[in-house]
Amino acid sequence: MKATQRDFARGVPRSAATASIFFFCGPDEAGASAAANAIIEKLPDAGERVDVVGSDLRRDPAMLGDEARSESLFGDKRHILVRASGDEAHDAVKALIETGEAGAGDAAPVLIVATSATDKSRTAKLLEKRADALVAMFYPPDLQSVSASVRAMADAAGLRLGGDLAERLARGAGLDVRLAQSEVTKLALYCDADPQAPKTASLEDYDEIGASTEEDGFQPLVNAVMGGELGRLDREIRRMRELGLNPVGLLLALERRAAQLVQISAKLGPRGSLDNLGKGEKAQLGIFWREERDIRQQLARWSRSKLDRLVPRLVELHRTLLANSQAAELLLAQDLAQIARFAARR
């Protein structure tokens, strides 16, 4: 079965109830991960979570079936969350299906978040016509769609948001639905909101819990790295440490900008220019006037071939940070410096 990004913006699709294998792909890793989390929350008994990386499945395709059919340490239910790149999990998923059809027994739900893959990939084609599988592709979000998602999150939390506040939350989260969910949860707690006792949130309420200025966010450092601005980099990394910016959140912002540049580059073609795009086209690509100068500079630094090398590296760095949370800040700073130097080369 297939679902769309719009289906998940409205909640978990009904078709998900009959699926046990989920394949979420596309350039919006944040949206795909949010969909996986939404499915997990809806599982009747999610039990223990087992994290698996796609590179391990590529080396050992039988590993997925072994994990999905193994008992939890405490005898509870379990679910498998796979983070993969492209079709790394294809052979493992095929083996899981074949052994199941051969009578190997029931398997735990398997959720795959596959960056650098599309709904035309081999894994998607393997699953899309199966009644026990669900495939969905997630594109880089625009302000309107994330604002709508924020309103839906707020409604579920018993929080009434005006359109201006929902848009501000979406912008403040860098169009990342996971960070937006965190902000909505904090705001609901601050307002003492509950689905049975809804409360109306104001811009002043958000000011009390949000960052005091835009400079407290991720974007200045993202722009320094992607723009190859080596002279600014030390200052921005020092600011990251002083403010205690979340390394994974910062990396997500960097991943979103890389995905945005890929999308813009594909739209423009080899000889295109931002000057040829209309206002509506720029809005669809997430190019707003405050960011256009930075995006222009970064497009000049990042050819399509360089972006094709960057995206898998960011995916691998994401896995490294999740596996080494204590050293995440140091590991991120080292890679940011290398990426900025790569961007600075002509």
C-alpha atoms as a PDB file:
ATOM      1  CA  MET A   1       0.000   0.000   0.000  1.00  0.00           C
ATOM      2  CA  LYS A   2       1.027   3.588  -0.527  1.00  0.00           C
ATOM      3  CA  ALA A   3       0.269   6.693   1.484  1.00  0.00           C
ATOM      4  CA  THR A   4       1.125  10.335   0.913  1.00  0.00           C
ATOM      5  CA  GLN A   5       2.748  13.028   2.987  1.00  0.00           C
ATOM      6  CA  ARG A   6      -0.632  14.760   3.112  1.00  0.00           C
ATOM      7  CA  ASP A   7      -2.202  11.628   4.626  1.00  0.00           C
ATOM      8  CA  PHE A   8       0.243  11.772   7.531  1.00  0.00           C
ATOM      9  CA  ALA A   9      -0.309  15.513   7.971  1.00  0.00           C
ATOM     10  CA  ARG A  10      -3.889  14.602   8.903  1.00  0.00           C
ATOM     11  CA  GLY A  11      -2.786  11.820  11.269  1.00  0.00           C
ATOM     12  CA  VAL A  12      -1.960   8.147  10.905  1.00  0.00           C
ATOM     13  CA  PRO A  13      -3.706   6.710   7.789  1.00  0.00           C
ATOM     14  CA  ARG A  14      -6.249   3.969   8.425  1.00  0.00           C
ATOM     15  CA  SER A  15      -4.350   1.673   6.075  1.00  0.00           C
ATOM     16  CA  ALA A  16      -1.477   1.614   8.587  1.00  0.00           C
ATOM     17  CA  ALA A  17      -3.554  -0.577  10.910  1.00  0.00           C
ATOM     18  CA  THR A  18      -3.126  -3.617   8.647  1.00  0.00           C
ATOM     19  CA  ALA A  19       0.574  -3.094   7.894  1.00  0.00           C
ATOM     20  CA  SER A  20       3.560  -4.586   9.678  1.00  0.00           C
ATOM     21  CA  ILE A  21       6.355  -3.270   7.437  1.00  0.00           C
ATOM     22  CA  PHE A  22       6.665   0.481   6.899  1.00  0.00           C
ATOM     23  CA  PHE A  23       8.993   2.182   4.414  1.00  0.00           C
ATOM     24  CA  PHE A  24       9.309   5.956   4.776  1.00  0.00           C
ATOM     25  CA  CYS A  25      11.581   7.647   2.248  1.00  0.00           C
ATOM     26  CA  GLY A  26      12.279  10.937   0.510  1.00  0.00           C
ATOM     27  CA  PRO A  27      14.463  13.988   1.166  1.00  0.00           C
ATOM     28  CA  ASP A  28      12.560  15.087   4.295  1.00  0.00           C
ATOM     29  CA  GLU A  29      14.152  12.837   6.922  1.00  0.00           C
ATOM     30  CA  ALA A  30      12.411  14.777   9.696  1.00  0.00           C
ATOM     31  CA  GLY A  31       8.964  14.127   8.220  1.00  0.00           C
ATOM     32  CA  ALA A  32       9.740  10.450   7.626  1.00  0.00           C
ATOM     33  CA  SER A  33      10.966  10.033  11.208  1.00  0.00           C
ATOM     34  CA  ALA A  34       7.905  11.830  12.559  1.00  0.00           C
ATOM     35  CA  ALA A  35       5.676   9.444  10.595  1.00  0.00           C
ATOM     36  CA  ALA A  36       7.555   6.458  12.037  1.00  0.00           C
ATOM     37  CA  ASN A  37       7.092   7.824  15.566  1.00  0.00           C
ATOM     38  CA  ALA A  38       3.387   8.385  14.908  1.00  0.00           C
ATOM     39  CA  ILE A  39       3.007   4.751  13.808  1.00  0.00           C
ATOM     40  CA  ILE A  40       4.873   3.528  16.905  1.00  0.00           C
ATOM     41  CA  GLU A  41       2.579   5.549  19.157  1.00  0.00           C
ATOM     42  CA  LYS A  42      -0.441   3.900  17.519  1.00  0.00           C
ATOM     43  CA  LEU A  43       0.813   0.333  17.892  1.00  0.00           C
ATOM     44  CA  PRO A  44      -1.445  -1.592  20.308  1.00  0.00           C
ATOM     45  CA  ASP A  45       1.627  -2.779  22.223  1.00  0.00           C
ATOM     46  CA  ALA A  46       4.832  -1.208  20.926  1.00  0.00           C
ATOM     47  CA  GLY A  47       7.006  -2.826  23.582  1.00  0.00           C
ATOM     48  CA  GLU A  48      10.782  -2.677  23.298  1.00  0.00           C
ATOM     49  CA  ARG A  49      12.359  -0.651  20.513  1.00  0.00           C
ATOM     50  CA  VAL A  50      15.286  -2.208  18.650  1.00  0.00           C
ATOM     51  CA  ASP A  51      17.410   0.203  16.589  1.00  0.00           C
ATOM     52  CA  VAL A  52      19.132  -1.177  13.502  1.00  0.00           C
ATOM     53  CA  VAL A  53      21.236   0.648  10.901  1.00  0.00           C
ATOM     54  CA  GLY A  54      20.984  -0.086   7.219  1.00  0.00           C
ATOM     55  CA  SER A  55      24.691  -0.736   6.749  1.00  0.00           C
ATOM     56  CA  ASP A  56      24.432  -3.694   9.154  1.00  0.00           C
ATOM     57  CA  LEU A  57      21.504  -5.113   7.188  1.00  0.00           C
ATOM     58  CA  ARG A  58      23.403  -4.732   3.938  1.00  0.00           C
ATOM     59  CA  ARG A  59      26.216  -6.853   5.385  1.00  0.00           C
ATOM     60  CA  ASP A  60      23.859  -9.373   7.015  1.00  0.00           C
ATOM     61  CA  PRO A  61      20.376  -9.484   5.394  1.00  0.00           C
ATOM     62  CA  ALA A  62      19.222 -12.271   7.737  1.00  0.00           C
ATOM     63  CA  MET A  63      19.691  -9.959  10.714  1.00  0.00           C
ATOM     64  CA  LEU A  64      16.336  -8.210  10.228  1.00  0.00           C
ATOM     65  CA  GLY A  65      14.316 -11.417  10.376  1.00  0.00           C
ATOM     66  CA  ASP A  66      16.303 -12.622  13.393  1.00  0.00           C
ATOM     67  CA  GLU A  67      15.621  -9.390  15.284  1.00  0.00           C
ATOM     68  CA  ALA A  68      11.964  -9.201  14.251  1.00  0.00           C
ATOM     69  CA  ARG A  69      11.259 -12.766  15.383  1.00  0.00           C
ATOM     70  CA  SER A  70      13.345 -12.745  18.562  1.00  0.00           C
ATOM     71  CA  GLU A  71      11.837 -12.445  22.015  1.00  0.00           C
ATOM     72  CA  SER A  72      12.425  -9.296  24.030  1.00  0.00           C
ATOM     73  CA  LEU A  73      14.819  -9.662  26.950  1.00  0.00           C
ATOM     74  CA  PHE A  74      11.857  -9.346  29.305  1.00  0.00           C
ATOM     75  CA  GLY A  75       9.405 -11.305  27.178  1.00  0.00           C
ATOM     76  CA  ASP A  76       7.573  -8.181  26.008  1.00  0.00           C
ATOM     77  CA  LYS A  77       6.569  -7.137  22.513  1.00  0.00           C
ATOM     78  CA  ARG A  78       9.110  -5.290  20.402  1.00  0.00           C
ATOM     79  CA  HIS A  79       9.328  -3.204  17.234  1.00  0.00           C
ATOM     80  CA  ILE A  80      12.269  -2.641  14.900  1.00  0.00           C
ATOM     81  CA  LEU A  81      13.317   0.829  13.757  1.00  0.00           C
ATOM     82  CA  VAL A  82      15.754   0.825  10.837  1.00  0.00           C
ATOM     83  CA  ARG A  83      17.633   3.929   9.695  1.00  0.00           C
ATOM     84  CA  ALA A  84      18.997   3.307   6.235  1.00  0.00           C
ATOM     85  CA  SER A  85      20.331   5.097   3.204  1.00  0.00           C
ATOM     86  CA  GLY A  86      18.859   4.278  -0.183  1.00  0.00           C
ATOM     87  CA  ASP A  87      18.187   0.572  -0.699  1.00  0.00           C
ATOM     88  CA  GLU A  88      20.483  -0.706   2.066  1.00  0.00           C
ATOM     89  CA  ALA A  89      17.592  -2.640   3.636  1.00  0.00           C
ATOM     90  CA  HIS A  90      16.220  -4.174   0.406  1.00  0.00           C
ATOM     91  CA  ASP A  91      17.739  -7.640   0.676  1.00  0.00           C
ATOM     92  CA  ALA A  92      16.926  -7.840   4.386  1.00  0.00           C
ATOM     93  CA  VAL A  93      13.267  -6.901   3.785  1.00  0.00           C
ATOM     94  CA  LYS A  94      13.028  -9.421   0.955  1.00  0.00           C
ATOM     95  CA  ALA A  95      14.450 -12.122   3.215  1.00  0.00           C
ATOM     96  CA  LEU A  96      12.034 -11.166   6.012  1.00  0.00           C
ATOM     97  CA  ILE A  97       9.073 -11.529   3.651  1.00  0.00           C
ATOM     98  CA  GLU A  98      10.273 -14.787   2.099  1.00  0.00           C
ATOM     99  CA  THR A  99      10.983 -16.481   5.424  1.00  0.00           C
ATOM    100  CA  GLY A 100       7.606 -15.349   6.725  1.00  0.00           C
ATOM    101  CA  GLU A 101       5.822 -16.822   3.730  1.00  0.00           C
ATOM    102  CA  ALA A 102       7.812 -20.038   4.260  1.00  0.00           C
ATOM    103  CA  GLY A 103       6.372 -20.381   7.765  1.00  0.00           C
ATOM    104  CA  ALA A 104       9.031 -18.767   9.963  1.00  0.00           C
ATOM    105  CA  GLY A 105       6.347 -17.239  12.178  1.00  0.00           C
ATOM    106  CA  ASP A 106       5.061 -13.804  13.087  1.00  0.00           C
ATOM    107  CA  ALA A 107       7.480 -10.893  13.111  1.00  0.00           C
ATOM    108  CA  ALA A 108       7.524  -7.670  15.073  1.00  0.00           C
ATOM    109  CA  PRO A 109       6.563  -4.464  13.232  1.00  0.00           C
ATOM    110  CA  VAL A 110       9.445  -3.112  11.146  1.00  0.00           C
ATOM    111  CA  LEU A 111       9.711   0.610  10.410  1.00  0.00           C
ATOM    112  CA  ILE A 112      12.339   1.800   7.927  1.00  0.00           C
ATOM    113  CA  VAL A 113      13.357   5.446   7.547  1.00  0.00           C
ATOM    114  CA  ALA A 114      15.372   5.514   4.329  1.00  0.00           C
ATOM    115  CA  THR A 115      17.010   8.780   3.371  1.00  0.00           C
ATOM    116  CA  SER A 116      18.310   9.110  -0.190  1.00  0.00           C
ATOM    117  CA  ALA A 117      15.592   6.654  -1.285  1.00  0.00           C
ATOM    118  CA  THR A 118      12.387   7.389  -3.177  1.00  0.00           C
ATOM    119  CA  ASP A 119       9.088   5.639  -3.801  1.00  0.00           C
ATOM    120  CA  LYS A 120      10.665   4.374  -7.047  1.00  0.00           C
ATOM    121  CA  SER A 121      13.452   2.532  -5.216  1.00  0.00           C
ATOM    122  CA  ARG A 122      13.695  -1.269  -5.197  1.00  0.00           C
ATOM    123  CA  THR A 123      12.543  -1.510  -1.587  1.00  0.00           C
ATOM    124  CA  ALA A 124       9.493   0.645  -2.263  1.00  0.00           C
ATOM    125  CA  LYS A 125       8.608  -1.414  -5.332  1.00  0.00           C
ATOM    126  CA  LEU A 126       8.958  -4.599  -3.277  1.00  0.00           C
ATOM    127  CA  LEU A 127       6.450  -3.349  -0.693  1.00  0.00           C
ATOM    128  CA  GLU A 128       4.013  -0.972  -2.362  1.00  0.00           C
ATOM    129  CA  LYS A 129       1.545  -3.627  -3.581  1.00  0.00           C
ATOM    130  CA  ARG A 130       1.549  -5.680  -0.399  1.00  0.00           C
ATOM    131  CA  ALA A 131      -1.431  -5.460   1.973  1.00  0.00           C
ATOM    132  CA  ASP A 132       0.878  -5.895   4.970  1.00  0.00           C
ATOM    133  CA  ALA A 133       3.208  -3.014   4.023  1.00  0.00           C
ATOM    134  CA  LEU A 134       2.949   0.755   3.752  1.00  0.00           C
ATOM    135  CA  VAL A 135       5.178   3.040   1.659  1.00  0.00           C
ATOM    136  CA  ALA A 136       5.217   6.826   1.929  1.00  0.00           C
ATOM    137  CA  MET A 137       7.533   9.470   0.502  1.00  0.00           C
ATOM    138  CA  PHE A 138       8.234  12.756   2.273  1.00  0.00           C
ATOM    139  CA  TYR A 139       9.288  15.915   0.462  1.00  0.00           C
ATOM    140  CA  PRO A 140      10.930  18.978   2.048  1.00  0.00           C
ATOM    141  CA  PRO A 141       8.053  20.743   3.780  1.00  0.00           C
ATOM    142  CA  ASP A 142       6.869  24.252   3.048  1.00  0.00           C
ATOM    143  CA  LEU A 143       5.746  26.792   5.608  1.00  0.00           C
ATOM    144  CA  GLN A 144       2.051  26.266   4.898  1.00  0.00           C
ATOM    145  CA  SER A 145       2.113  22.496   5.365  1.00  0.00           C
ATOM    146  CA  VAL A 146       4.190  22.633   8.558  1.00  0.00           C
ATOM    147  CA  SER A 147       1.927  25.366   9.966  1.00  0.00           C
ATOM    148  CA  ALA A 148      -1.055  23.089   9.308  1.00  0.00           C
ATOM    149  CA  SER A 149       0.757  20.228  11.060  1.00  0.00           C
ATOM    150  CA  VAL A 150       1.453  22.524  14.024  1.00  0.00           C
ATOM    151  CA  ARG A 151      -2.255  23.357  14.258  1.00  0.00           C
ATOM    152  CA  ALA A 152      -3.090  19.628  14.237  1.00  0.00           C
ATOM    153  CA  MET A 153      -0.501  18.947  16.981  1.00  0.00           C
ATOM    154  CA  ALA A 154      -1.934  21.784  19.038  1.00  0.00           C
ATOM    155  CA  ASP A 155      -5.517  20.542  18.632  1.00  0.00           C
ATOM    156  CA  ALA A 156      -4.441  17.101  19.864  1.00  0.00           C
ATOM    157  CA  ALA A 157      -2.822  18.716  22.920  1.00  0.00           C
ATOM    158  CA  GLY A 158      -5.859  20.850  23.731  1.00  0.00           C
ATOM    159  CA  LEU A 159      -4.151  24.032  22.576  1.00  0.00           C
ATOM    160  CA  ARG A 160      -5.834  26.678  20.425  1.00  0.00           C
ATOM    161  CA  LEU A 161      -3.405  28.491  18.116  1.00  0.00           C
ATOM    162  CA  GLY A 162      -3.990  31.414  15.811  1.00  0.00           C
ATOM    163  CA  GLY A 163      -2.562  31.242  12.314  1.00  0.00           C
ATOM    164  CA  ASP A 164       0.205  33.732  13.108  1.00  0.00           C
ATOM    165  CA  LEU A 165       1.388  31.723  16.100  1.00  0.00           C
ATOM    166  CA  ALA A 166       1.269  28.407  14.214  1.00  0.00           C
ATOM    167  CA  GLU A 167       3.393  29.952  11.452  1.00  0.00           C
ATOM    168  CA  ARG A 168       5.839  31.367  13.990  1.00  0.00           C
ATOM    169  CA  LEU A 169       6.199  27.970  15.634  1.00  0.00           C
ATOM    170  CA  ALA A 170       6.821  26.367  12.229  1.00  0.00           C
ATOM    171  CA  ARG A 171       9.471  28.958  11.347  1.00  0.00           C
ATOM    172  CA  GLY A 172      11.064  28.707  14.778  1.00  0.00           C
ATOM    173  CA  ALA A 173      11.433  24.951  14.348  1.00  0.00           C
ATOM    174  CA  GLY A 174      13.067  25.433  10.956  1.00  0.00           C
ATOM    175  CA  LEU A 175      10.132  23.560   9.323  1.00  0.00           C
ATOM    176  CA  ASP A 176      11.140  20.437  11.279  1.00  0.00           C
ATOM    177  CA  VAL A 177       7.952  18.744  12.484  1.00  0.00           C
ATOM    178  CA  ARG A 178       9.805  16.931  15.307  1.00  0.00           C
ATOM    179  CA  LEU A 179      11.120  20.167  16.775  1.00  0.00           C
ATOM    180  CA  ALA A 180       7.716  21.752  16.226  1.00  0.00           C
ATOM    181  CA  GLN A 181       6.094  18.944  18.213  1.00  0.00           C
ATOM    182  CA  SER A 182       8.506  19.616  21.067  1.00  0.00           C
ATOM    183  CA  GLU A 183       7.602  23.313  21.033  1.00  0.00           C
ATOM    184  CA  VAL A 184       3.864  22.546  20.997  1.00  0.00           C
ATOM    185  CA  THR A 185       4.295  20.169  23.961  1.00  0.00           C
ATOM    186  CA  LYS A 186       6.197  22.826  25.936  1.00  0.00           C
ATOM    187  CA  LEU A 187       3.599  25.451  25.107  1.00  0.00           C
ATOM    188  CA  ALA A 188       0.731  23.155  26.144  1.00  0.00           C
ATOM    189  CA  LEU A 189       2.440  22.496  29.486  1.00  0.00           C
ATOM    190  CA  TYR A 190       3.044  26.210  30.024  1.00  0.00           C
ATOM    191  CA  CYS A 191      -0.606  27.031  29.280  1.00  0.00           C
ATOM    192  CA  ASP A 192      -1.844  24.029  31.326  1.00  0.00           C
ATOM    193  CA  ALA A 193      -3.779  22.882  28.270  1.00  0.00           C
ATOM    194  CA  ASP A 194      -5.514  19.522  28.025  1.00  0.00           C
ATOM    195  CA  PRO A 195      -7.775  17.961  25.364  1.00  0.00           C
ATOM    196  CA  GLN A 196     -10.580  17.930  27.962  1.00  0.00           C
ATOM    197  CA  ALA A 197      -9.832  21.534  28.978  1.00  0.00           C
ATOM    198  CA  PRO A 198      -8.516  23.398  25.901  1.00  0.00           C
ATOM    199  CA  LYS A 199      -6.635  26.666  26.346  1.00  0.00           C
ATOM    200  CA  THR A 200      -5.826  29.460  23.914  1.00  0.00           C
ATOM    201  CA  ALA A 201      -2.127  30.281  23.512  1.00  0.00           C
ATOM    202  CA  SER A 202      -0.897  33.768  22.641  1.00  0.00           C
ATOM    203  CA  LEU A 203       2.274  35.107  21.054  1.00  0.00           C
ATOM    204  CA  GLU A 204       3.248  36.351  24.511  1.00  0.00           C
ATOM    205  CA  ASP A 205       2.979  32.794  25.881  1.00  0.00           C
ATOM    206  CA  TYR A 206       5.324  31.554  23.173  1.00  0.00           C
ATOM    207  CA  ASP A 207       7.763  34.372  23.884  1.00  0.00           C
ATOM    208  CA  GLU A 208       7.983  33.115  27.457  1.00  0.00           C
ATOM    209  CA  ILE A 209       9.143  29.628  26.429  1.00  0.00           C
ATOM    210  CA  GLY A 210      10.812  30.298  23.074  1.00  0.00           C
ATOM    211  CA  ALA A 211      14.198  31.631  22.056  1.00  0.00           C
ATOM    212  CA  SER A 212      14.545  35.343  22.720  1.00  0.00           C
ATOM    213  CA  THR A 213      15.938  36.164  19.277  1.00  0.00           C
ATOM    214  CA  GLU A 214      16.467  34.492  15.938  1.00  0.00           C
ATOM    215  CA  GLU A 215      20.212  34.564  16.638  1.00  0.00           C
ATOM    216  CA  ASP A 216      19.652  31.901  19.299  1.00  0.00           C
ATOM    217  CA  GLY A 217      18.735  29.441  16.540  1.00  0.00           C
ATOM    218  CA  PHE A 218      20.622  27.148  14.231  1.00  0.00           C
ATOM    219  CA  GLN A 219      20.534  29.128  10.997  1.00  0.00           C
ATOM    220  CA  PRO A 220      23.595  31.395  11.427  1.00  0.00           C
ATOM    221  CA  LEU A 221      25.834  28.354  11.899  1.00  0.00           C
ATOM    222  CA  VAL A 222      24.149  26.481   9.042  1.00  0.00           C
ATOM    223  CA  ASN A 223      24.764  29.455   6.764  1.00  0.00           C
ATOM    224  CA  ALA A 224      28.416  29.728   7.820  1.00  0.00           C
ATOM    225  CA  VAL A 225      29.008  26.029   7.103  1.00  0.00           C
ATOM    226  CA  MET A 226      27.085  25.777   3.829  1.00  0.00           C
ATOM    227  CA  GLY A 227      28.469  29.095   2.625  1.00  0.00           C
ATOM    228  CA  GLY A 228      32.055  28.021   3.261  1.00  0.00           C
ATOM    229  CA  GLU A 229      32.540  31.082   5.497  1.00  0.00           C
ATOM    230  CA  LEU A 230      35.634  29.877   7.308  1.00  0.00           C
ATOM    231  CA  GLY A 231      36.227  33.257   8.935  1.00  0.00           C
ATOM    232  CA  ARG A 232      32.884  33.030  10.767  1.00  0.00           C
ATOM    233  CA  LEU A 233      33.020  29.363  11.604  1.00  0.00           C
ATOM    234  CA  ASP A 234      35.045  29.508  14.844  1.00  0.00           C
ATOM    235  CA  ARG A 235      32.744  32.189  16.233  1.00  0.00           C
ATOM    236  CA  GLU A 236      29.595  30.263  15.324  1.00  0.00           C
ATOM    237  CA  ILE A 237      30.889  26.983  16.793  1.00  0.00           C
ATOM    238  CA  ARG A 238      31.785  28.835  19.986  1.00  0.00           C
ATOM    239  CA  ARG A 239      28.242  30.269  20.056  1.00  0.00           C
ATOM    240  CA  MET A 240      26.874  26.730  19.605  1.00  0.00           C
ATOM    241  CA  ARG A 241      28.759  25.609  22.718  1.00  0.00           C
ATOM    242  CA  GLU A 242      27.910  28.689  24.780  1.00  0.00           C
ATOM    243  CA  LEU A 243      24.194  28.398  24.029  1.00  0.00           C
ATOM    244  CA  GLY A 244      24.184  24.613  24.395  1.00  0.00           C
ATOM    245  CA  LEU A 245      22.493  24.134  21.017  1.00  0.00           C
ATOM    246  CA  ASN A 246      21.299  20.579  20.505  1.00  0.00           C
ATOM    247  CA  PRO A 247      23.769  18.827  18.147  1.00  0.00           C
ATOM    248  CA  VAL A 248      21.132  16.603  16.550  1.00  0.00           C
ATOM    249  CA  GLY A 249      18.752  19.544  16.099  1.00  0.00           C
ATOM    250  CA  LEU A 250      21.525  21.555  14.472  1.00  0.00           C
ATOM    251  CA  LEU A 251      22.395  18.662  12.171  1.00  0.00           C
ATOM    252  CA  LEU A 252      18.738  18.350  11.184  1.00  0.00           C
ATOM    253  CA  ALA A 253      18.764  22.028  10.192  1.00  0.00           C
ATOM    254  CA  LEU A 254      21.869  21.362   8.087  1.00  0.00           C
ATOM    255  CA  GLU A 255      20.205  18.317   6.472  1.00  0.00           C
ATOM    256  CA  ARG A 256      17.143  20.400   5.616  1.00  0.00           C
ATOM    257  CA  ARG A 257      19.246  23.080   3.942  1.00  0.00           C
ATOM    258  CA  ALA A 258      21.174  20.450   1.951  1.00  0.00           C
ATOM    259  CA  ALA A 259      17.894  18.846   0.833  1.00  0.00           C
ATOM    260  CA  GLN A 260      16.532  22.286  -0.078  1.00  0.00           C
ATOM    261  CA  LEU A 261      19.601  23.037  -2.213  1.00  0.00           C
ATOM    262  CA  VAL A 262      19.195  19.677  -3.980  1.00  0.00           C
ATOM    263  CA  GLN A 263      15.571  20.501  -4.743  1.00  0.00           C
ATOM    264  CA  ILE A 264      16.401  24.023  -5.965  1.00  0.00           C
ATOM    265  CA  SER A 265      19.283  22.740  -8.087  1.00  0.00           C
ATOM    266  CA  ALA A 266      16.995  20.172  -9.725  1.00  0.00           C
ATOM    267  CA  LYS A 267      14.396  22.864 -10.418  1.00  0.00           C
ATOM    268  CA  LEU A 268      16.900  25.299 -11.955  1.00  0.00           C
ATOM    269  CA  GLY A 269      18.854  22.817 -14.048  1.00  0.00           C
ATOM    270  CA  PRO A 270      22.520  23.235 -15.019  1.00  0.00           C
ATOM    271  CA  ARG A 271      22.187  26.806 -16.352  1.00  0.00           C
ATOM    272  CA  GLY A 272      19.225  28.097 -14.356  1.00  0.00           C
ATOM    273  CA  SER A 273      19.094  31.101 -12.065  1.00  0.00           C
ATOM    274  CA  LEU A 274      16.982  32.103  -9.081  1.00  0.00           C
ATOM    275  CA  ASP A 275      16.161  35.284 -11.016  1.00  0.00           C
ATOM    276  CA  ASN A 276      14.097  33.163 -13.402  1.00  0.00           C
ATOM    277  CA  LEU A 277      11.785  31.947 -10.634  1.00  0.00           C
ATOM    278  CA  GLY A 278       8.559  33.705  -9.765  1.00  0.00           C
ATOM    279  CA  LYS A 279       7.496  34.562  -6.232  1.00  0.00           C
ATOM    280  CA  GLY A 280       5.205  31.530  -6.030  1.00  0.00           C
ATOM    281  CA  GLU A 281       7.899  29.156  -7.275  1.00  0.00           C
ATOM    282  CA  LYS A 282      10.338  30.504  -4.698  1.00  0.00           C
ATOM    283  CA  ALA A 283       7.763  30.008  -1.940  1.00  0.00           C
ATOM    284  CA  GLN A 284       7.236  26.389  -3.015  1.00  0.00           C
ATOM    285  CA  LEU A 285      10.993  25.850  -2.734  1.00  0.00           C
ATOM    286  CA  GLY A 286      11.102  27.458   0.720  1.00  0.00           C
ATOM    287  CA  ILE A 287      13.053  30.514  -0.498  1.00  0.00           C
ATOM    288  CA  PHE A 288      11.954  33.471   1.603  1.00  0.00           C
ATOM    289  CA  TRP A 289      13.340  36.955   1.183  1.00  0.00           C
ATOM    290  CA  ARG A 290      15.371  36.926   4.407  1.00  0.00           C
ATOM    291  CA  GLU A 291      17.154  33.745   3.329  1.00  0.00           C
ATOM    292  CA  GLU A 292      17.494  34.348  -0.422  1.00  0.00           C
ATOM    293  CA  ARG A 293      20.924  35.988  -0.232  1.00  0.00           C
ATOM    294  CA  ASP A 294      22.334  33.061   1.782  1.00  0.00           C
ATOM    295  CA  ILE A 295      20.762  30.510  -0.544  1.00  0.00           C
ATOM    296  CA  ARG A 296      22.204  32.259  -3.591  1.00  0.00           C
ATOM    297  CA  GLN A 297      25.667  32.154  -2.054  1.00  0.00           C
ATOM    298  CA  GLN A 298      25.326  28.493  -1.104  1.00  0.00           C
ATOM    299  CA  LEU A 299      24.075  27.454  -4.558  1.00  0.00           C
ATOM    300  CA  ALA A 300      27.234  28.998  -5.976  1.00  0.00           C
ATOM    301  CA  ARG A 301      29.312  26.884  -3.587  1.00  0.00           C
ATOM    302  CA  TRP A 302      27.489  23.583  -3.987  1.00  0.00           C
ATOM    303  CA  SER A 303      27.267  21.948  -7.383  1.00  0.00           C
ATOM    304  CA  ARG A 304      24.908  19.004  -7.790  1.00  0.00           C
ATOM    305  CA  SER A 305      27.842  16.575  -7.660  1.00  0.00           C
ATOM    306  CA  LYS A 306      29.084  18.118  -4.412  1.00  0.00           C
ATOM    307  CA  LEU A 307      25.584  17.911  -2.931  1.00  0.00           C
ATOM    308  CA  ASP A 308      25.365  14.248  -3.945  1.00  0.00           C
ATOM    309  CA  ARG A 309      28.497  13.647  -1.861  1.00  0.00           C
ATOM    310  CA  LEU A 310      27.285  15.770   1.057  1.00  0.00           C
ATOM    311  CA  VAL A 311      23.868  14.195   1.670  1.00  0.00           C
ATOM    312  CA  PRO A 312      25.107  10.631   2.437  1.00  0.00           C
ATOM    313  CA  ARG A 313      27.786  12.104   4.682  1.00  0.00           C
ATOM    314  CA  LEU A 314      25.175  13.994   6.702  1.00  0.00           C
ATOM    315  CA  VAL A 315      23.124  10.805   7.029  1.00  0.00           C
ATOM    316  CA  GLU A 316      26.150   8.922   8.342  1.00  0.00           C
ATOM    317  CA  LEU A 317      26.980  11.774  10.730  1.00  0.00           C
ATOM    318  CA  HIS A 318      23.400  11.644  12.029  1.00  0.00           C
ATOM    319  CA  ARG A 319      23.829   7.978  12.906  1.00  0.00           C
ATOM    320  CA  THR A 320      27.170   8.705  14.568  1.00  0.00           C
ATOM    321  CA  LEU A 321      25.694  11.443  16.767  1.00  0.00           C
ATOM    322  CA  LEU A 322      22.802   9.217  17.852  1.00  0.00           C
ATOM    323  CA  ALA A 323      25.229   6.441  18.767  1.00  0.00           C
ATOM    324  CA  ASN A 324      27.672   8.759  20.589  1.00  0.00           C
ATOM    325  CA  SER A 325      25.502  11.247  22.453  1.00  0.00           C
ATOM    326  CA  GLN A 326      28.190  12.103  25.030  1.00  0.00           C
ATOM    327  CA  ALA A 327      30.658  13.207  22.347  1.00  0.00           C
ATOM    328  CA  ALA A 328      28.044  14.534  19.904  1.00  0.00           C
ATOM    329  CA  GLU A 329      29.045  18.192  20.204  1.00  0.00           C
ATOM    330  CA  LEU A 330      32.737  17.501  19.520  1.00  0.00           C
ATOM    331  CA  LEU A 331      32.008  15.111  16.648  1.00  0.00           C
ATOM    332  CA  LEU A 332      29.621  17.608  15.075  1.00  0.00           C
ATOM    333  CA  ALA A 333      32.081  20.503  15.384  1.00  0.00           C
ATOM    334  CA  GLN A 334      34.780  18.468  13.630  1.00  0.00           C
ATOM    335  CA  ASP A 335      32.511  17.554  10.728  1.00  0.00           C
ATOM    336  CA  LEU A 336      31.140  21.089  10.412  1.00  0.00           C
ATOM    337  CA  ALA A 337      34.675  22.373   9.936  1.00  0.00           C
ATOM    338  CA  GLN A 338      35.388  19.764   7.235  1.00  0.00           C
ATOM    339  CA  ILE A 339      32.120  20.498   5.405  1.00  0.00           C
ATOM    340  CA  ALA A 340      32.778  24.249   5.506  1.00  0.00           C
ATOM    341  CA  ARG A 341      36.264  23.724   4.055  1.00  0.00           C
ATOM    342  CA  PHE A 342      34.757  21.535   1.329  1.00  0.00           C
ATOM    343  CA  ALA A 343      32.209  24.276   0.540  1.00  0.00           C
ATOM    344  CA  ALA A 344      34.967  26.899   0.396  1.00  0.00           C
ATOM    345  CA  ARG A 345      36.766  25.072  -2.441  1.00  0.00           C
ATOM    346  CA  ARG A 346      36.057  26.309  -5.932  1.00  0.00           C
END
